[in-house]
Amino acid sequence: RVNAVNPGYIQGEPIQKAFEVRGRARGLRTEEIEAEIVAQTALGYIPGPDEIAGSVVFLCSELSRPVTGHVLDCNSGMWM
């Protein structure tokens, strides 16, 4: 079996720092940059590392036994 996880943005310190840099460049607050990104998702939030890890665990488990050749987008519906 060959599968992959395509996470997109992952909530945490590194992405918050990236939002700060983008905010400074555009003259916006970090919260405004994050809100712009969140607004692009179908589920209305940026998933955390534990949620991404859960998707990986699923693909490594017997629950995904019939799945192969799949890229699992784990991005709260940013790309569909």
N, C-alpha and C. Protein backbone atom coordinates (compact mmCIF):
# COMPACT_ATOMS: atom_id res chain seq x y z
N ARG A 1 0.84 -1.19 0.00
CA ARG A 1 0.00 0.00 0.00
C ARG A 1 0.88 1.24 0.00
N VAL A 2 0.43 2.22 -0.74
CA VAL A 2 1.14 3.50 -0.80
C VAL A 2 0.10 4.60 -0.66
N ASN A 3 0.20 5.37 0.43
CA ASN A 3 -0.70 6.48 0.68
C ASN A 3 0.12 7.66 1.21
N ALA A 4 -0.49 8.81 1.22
CA ALA A 4 0.19 10.01 1.72
C ALA A 4 -0.80 10.92 2.42
N VAL A 5 -0.28 11.76 3.30
CA VAL A 5 -1.07 12.79 3.97
C VAL A 5 -0.57 14.14 3.49
N ASN A 6 -1.50 14.99 3.07
CA ASN A 6 -1.21 16.35 2.61
C ASN A 6 -1.83 17.31 3.63
N PRO A 7 -1.05 17.77 4.62
CA PRO A 7 -1.65 18.49 5.74
C PRO A 7 -2.06 19.94 5.51
N GLY A 8 -1.41 20.70 4.69
CA GLY A 8 -1.73 22.13 4.64
C GLY A 8 -1.26 22.82 5.90
N TYR A 9 -1.97 23.86 6.35
CA TYR A 9 -1.58 24.58 7.56
C TYR A 9 -1.82 23.69 8.78
N ILE A 10 -0.89 23.77 9.75
CA ILE A 10 -1.02 23.04 11.01
C ILE A 10 -0.88 24.05 12.14
N GLN A 11 -1.88 24.12 13.00
CA GLN A 11 -1.88 25.07 14.11
C GLN A 11 -0.67 24.82 15.02
N GLY A 12 -0.01 25.88 15.42
CA GLY A 12 1.13 25.75 16.32
C GLY A 12 2.03 26.97 16.21
N GLU A 13 3.13 26.92 16.94
CA GLU A 13 4.05 28.06 17.00
C GLU A 13 4.64 28.45 15.64
N PRO A 14 5.10 27.49 14.83
CA PRO A 14 5.68 27.90 13.54
C PRO A 14 4.71 28.67 12.64
N ILE A 15 3.46 28.23 12.58
CA ILE A 15 2.52 28.93 11.70
C ILE A 15 2.12 30.28 12.30
N GLN A 16 2.07 30.36 13.61
CA GLN A 16 1.78 31.66 14.24
C GLN A 16 2.88 32.67 13.93
N LYS A 17 4.13 32.22 13.94
CA LYS A 17 5.24 33.11 13.59
C LYS A 17 5.13 33.54 12.12
N ALA A 18 4.75 32.62 11.25
CA ALA A 18 4.56 32.97 9.84
C ALA A 18 3.44 34.00 9.69
N PHE A 19 2.36 33.84 10.45
CA PHE A 19 1.27 34.81 10.40
C PHE A 19 1.75 36.18 10.89
N GLU A 20 2.60 36.20 11.92
CA GLU A 20 3.15 37.46 12.42
C GLU A 20 3.95 38.17 11.33
N VAL A 21 4.80 37.42 10.63
CA VAL A 21 5.62 38.00 9.56
C VAL A 21 4.73 38.54 8.45
N ARG A 22 3.73 37.77 8.04
CA ARG A 22 2.80 38.23 7.00
C ARG A 22 2.05 39.48 7.45
N GLY A 23 1.65 39.46 8.73
CA GLY A 23 0.92 40.61 9.26
C GLY A 23 1.75 41.87 9.24
N ARG A 24 3.00 41.76 9.69
CA ARG A 24 3.88 42.93 9.67
C ARG A 24 4.07 43.45 8.23
N ALA A 25 4.24 42.52 7.29
CA ALA A 25 4.46 42.92 5.89
C ALA A 25 3.24 43.63 5.31
N ARG A 26 2.07 43.28 5.79
CA ARG A 26 0.83 43.86 5.25
C ARG A 26 0.21 44.90 6.16
N GLY A 27 0.82 45.15 7.32
CA GLY A 27 0.27 46.12 8.27
C GLY A 27 -0.99 45.63 8.97
N LEU A 28 -1.08 44.29 9.17
CA LEU A 28 -2.24 43.69 9.82
C LEU A 28 -1.82 42.95 11.08
N ARG A 29 -2.77 42.75 11.96
CA ARG A 29 -2.51 41.95 13.16
C ARG A 29 -2.45 40.47 12.79
N THR A 30 -1.74 39.71 13.61
CA THR A 30 -1.62 38.27 13.41
C THR A 30 -3.00 37.62 13.34
N GLU A 31 -3.91 38.05 14.19
CA GLU A 31 -5.26 37.49 14.23
C GLU A 31 -6.01 37.72 12.92
N GLU A 32 -5.75 38.84 12.28
CA GLU A 32 -6.40 39.13 11.00
C GLU A 32 -5.89 38.20 9.90
N ILE A 33 -4.59 37.95 9.91
CA ILE A 33 -4.01 37.02 8.93
C ILE A 33 -4.57 35.62 9.15
N GLU A 34 -4.61 35.18 10.41
CA GLU A 34 -5.17 33.85 10.70
C GLU A 34 -6.63 33.78 10.28
N ALA A 35 -7.39 34.82 10.54
CA ALA A 35 -8.81 34.83 10.17
C ALA A 35 -8.99 34.72 8.65
N GLU A 36 -8.10 35.33 7.88
CA GLU A 36 -8.16 35.21 6.42
C GLU A 36 -7.96 33.75 5.99
N ILE A 37 -7.00 33.08 6.62
CA ILE A 37 -6.72 31.68 6.28
C ILE A 37 -7.89 30.80 6.70
N VAL A 38 -8.37 30.99 7.91
CA VAL A 38 -9.48 30.18 8.43
C VAL A 38 -10.71 30.35 7.54
N ALA A 39 -10.94 31.54 7.03
CA ALA A 39 -12.09 31.81 6.16
C ALA A 39 -12.02 31.01 4.86
N GLN A 40 -10.83 30.54 4.50
CA GLN A 40 -10.67 29.76 3.27
C GLN A 40 -10.96 28.27 3.48
N THR A 41 -11.22 27.86 4.73
CA THR A 41 -11.47 26.45 5.02
C THR A 41 -12.96 26.16 5.13
N ALA A 42 -13.35 24.98 4.73
CA ALA A 42 -14.76 24.60 4.81
C ALA A 42 -15.20 24.37 6.26
N LEU A 43 -14.27 23.92 7.11
CA LEU A 43 -14.63 23.61 8.49
C LEU A 43 -14.39 24.77 9.46
N GLY A 44 -13.78 25.84 9.00
CA GLY A 44 -13.63 27.05 9.81
C GLY A 44 -12.57 27.00 10.88
N TYR A 45 -11.52 26.22 10.68
CA TYR A 45 -10.41 26.22 11.62
C TYR A 45 -9.17 25.61 10.99
N ILE A 46 -8.03 25.81 11.66
CA ILE A 46 -6.77 25.20 11.24
C ILE A 46 -6.52 24.01 12.16
N PRO A 47 -6.37 22.82 11.60
CA PRO A 47 -6.19 21.64 12.45
C PRO A 47 -4.86 21.66 13.20
N GLY A 48 -4.86 21.00 14.36
CA GLY A 48 -3.66 20.89 15.17
C GLY A 48 -2.85 19.66 14.81
N PRO A 49 -1.65 19.56 15.35
CA PRO A 49 -0.78 18.43 15.03
C PRO A 49 -1.37 17.08 15.43
N ASP A 50 -2.12 17.02 16.51
CA ASP A 50 -2.73 15.75 16.92
C ASP A 50 -3.76 15.25 15.91
N GLU A 51 -4.47 16.17 15.29
CA GLU A 51 -5.44 15.77 14.28
C GLU A 51 -4.75 15.22 13.03
N ILE A 52 -3.65 15.85 12.64
CA ILE A 52 -2.89 15.36 11.49
C ILE A 52 -2.31 13.99 11.82
N ALA A 53 -1.78 13.86 13.02
CA ALA A 53 -1.22 12.57 13.45
C ALA A 53 -2.29 11.48 13.44
N GLY A 54 -3.50 11.81 13.83
CA GLY A 54 -4.59 10.83 13.80
C GLY A 54 -4.87 10.32 12.40
N SER A 55 -4.75 11.20 11.43
CA SER A 55 -4.94 10.78 10.04
C SER A 55 -3.84 9.83 9.59
N VAL A 56 -2.62 10.11 10.04
CA VAL A 56 -1.49 9.23 9.72
C VAL A 56 -1.69 7.87 10.39
N VAL A 57 -2.12 7.89 11.64
CA VAL A 57 -2.37 6.63 12.37
C VAL A 57 -3.44 5.81 11.63
N PHE A 58 -4.49 6.48 11.17
CA PHE A 58 -5.52 5.77 10.40
C PHE A 58 -4.91 5.07 9.20
N LEU A 59 -4.09 5.80 8.42
CA LEU A 59 -3.51 5.20 7.23
C LEU A 59 -2.52 4.07 7.55
N CYS A 60 -1.96 4.10 8.75
CA CYS A 60 -1.04 3.04 9.17
C CYS A 60 -1.76 1.86 9.81
N SER A 61 -3.05 2.02 10.07
CA SER A 61 -3.80 0.98 10.77
C SER A 61 -4.49 0.04 9.79
N GLU A 62 -5.00 -1.05 10.33
CA GLU A 62 -5.76 -2.00 9.52
C GLU A 62 -7.09 -1.41 9.03
N LEU A 63 -7.55 -0.33 9.65
CA LEU A 63 -8.79 0.31 9.19
C LEU A 63 -8.65 0.80 7.75
N SER A 64 -7.43 1.11 7.34
CA SER A 64 -7.23 1.60 5.98
C SER A 64 -6.74 0.51 5.04
N ARG A 65 -6.92 -0.73 5.44
CA ARG A 65 -6.43 -1.86 4.65
C ARG A 65 -6.83 -1.80 3.16
N PRO A 66 -8.06 -1.41 2.81
CA PRO A 66 -8.42 -1.39 1.40
C PRO A 66 -7.99 -0.11 0.66
N VAL A 67 -7.32 0.78 1.36
CA VAL A 67 -6.95 2.07 0.76
C VAL A 67 -5.52 2.00 0.22
N THR A 68 -5.34 2.37 -1.03
CA THR A 68 -4.00 2.50 -1.60
C THR A 68 -4.02 3.53 -2.71
N GLY A 69 -2.87 4.16 -2.92
CA GLY A 69 -2.76 5.17 -3.97
C GLY A 69 -3.55 6.42 -3.68
N HIS A 70 -3.70 6.75 -2.41
CA HIS A 70 -4.55 7.87 -2.02
C HIS A 70 -3.72 8.95 -1.31
N VAL A 71 -4.04 10.21 -1.61
CA VAL A 71 -3.48 11.34 -0.88
C VAL A 71 -4.62 11.92 -0.04
N LEU A 72 -4.47 11.86 1.27
CA LEU A 72 -5.50 12.33 2.19
C LEU A 72 -5.24 13.79 2.56
N ASP A 73 -6.09 14.69 2.07
CA ASP A 73 -5.96 16.09 2.41
C ASP A 73 -6.49 16.32 3.81
N CYS A 74 -5.63 16.81 4.69
CA CYS A 74 -5.99 17.07 6.10
C CYS A 74 -5.84 18.56 6.35
N ASN A 75 -6.75 19.34 5.81
CA ASN A 75 -6.59 20.79 5.82
C ASN A 75 -7.88 21.54 6.12
N SER A 76 -8.79 20.89 6.79
CA SER A 76 -10.09 21.48 7.15
C SER A 76 -10.88 21.94 5.92
N GLY A 77 -10.61 21.34 4.79
CA GLY A 77 -11.35 21.67 3.59
C GLY A 77 -10.84 22.89 2.85
N MET A 78 -9.58 23.25 3.07
CA MET A 78 -9.02 24.38 2.32
C MET A 78 -8.93 24.04 0.84
N TRP A 79 -8.53 22.81 0.53
CA TRP A 79 -8.47 22.33 -0.85
C TRP A 79 -9.41 21.14 -0.95
N MET A 80 -10.31 21.18 -1.89
CA MET A 80 -11.24 20.06 -2.06
C MET A 80 -11.37 19.75 -3.53
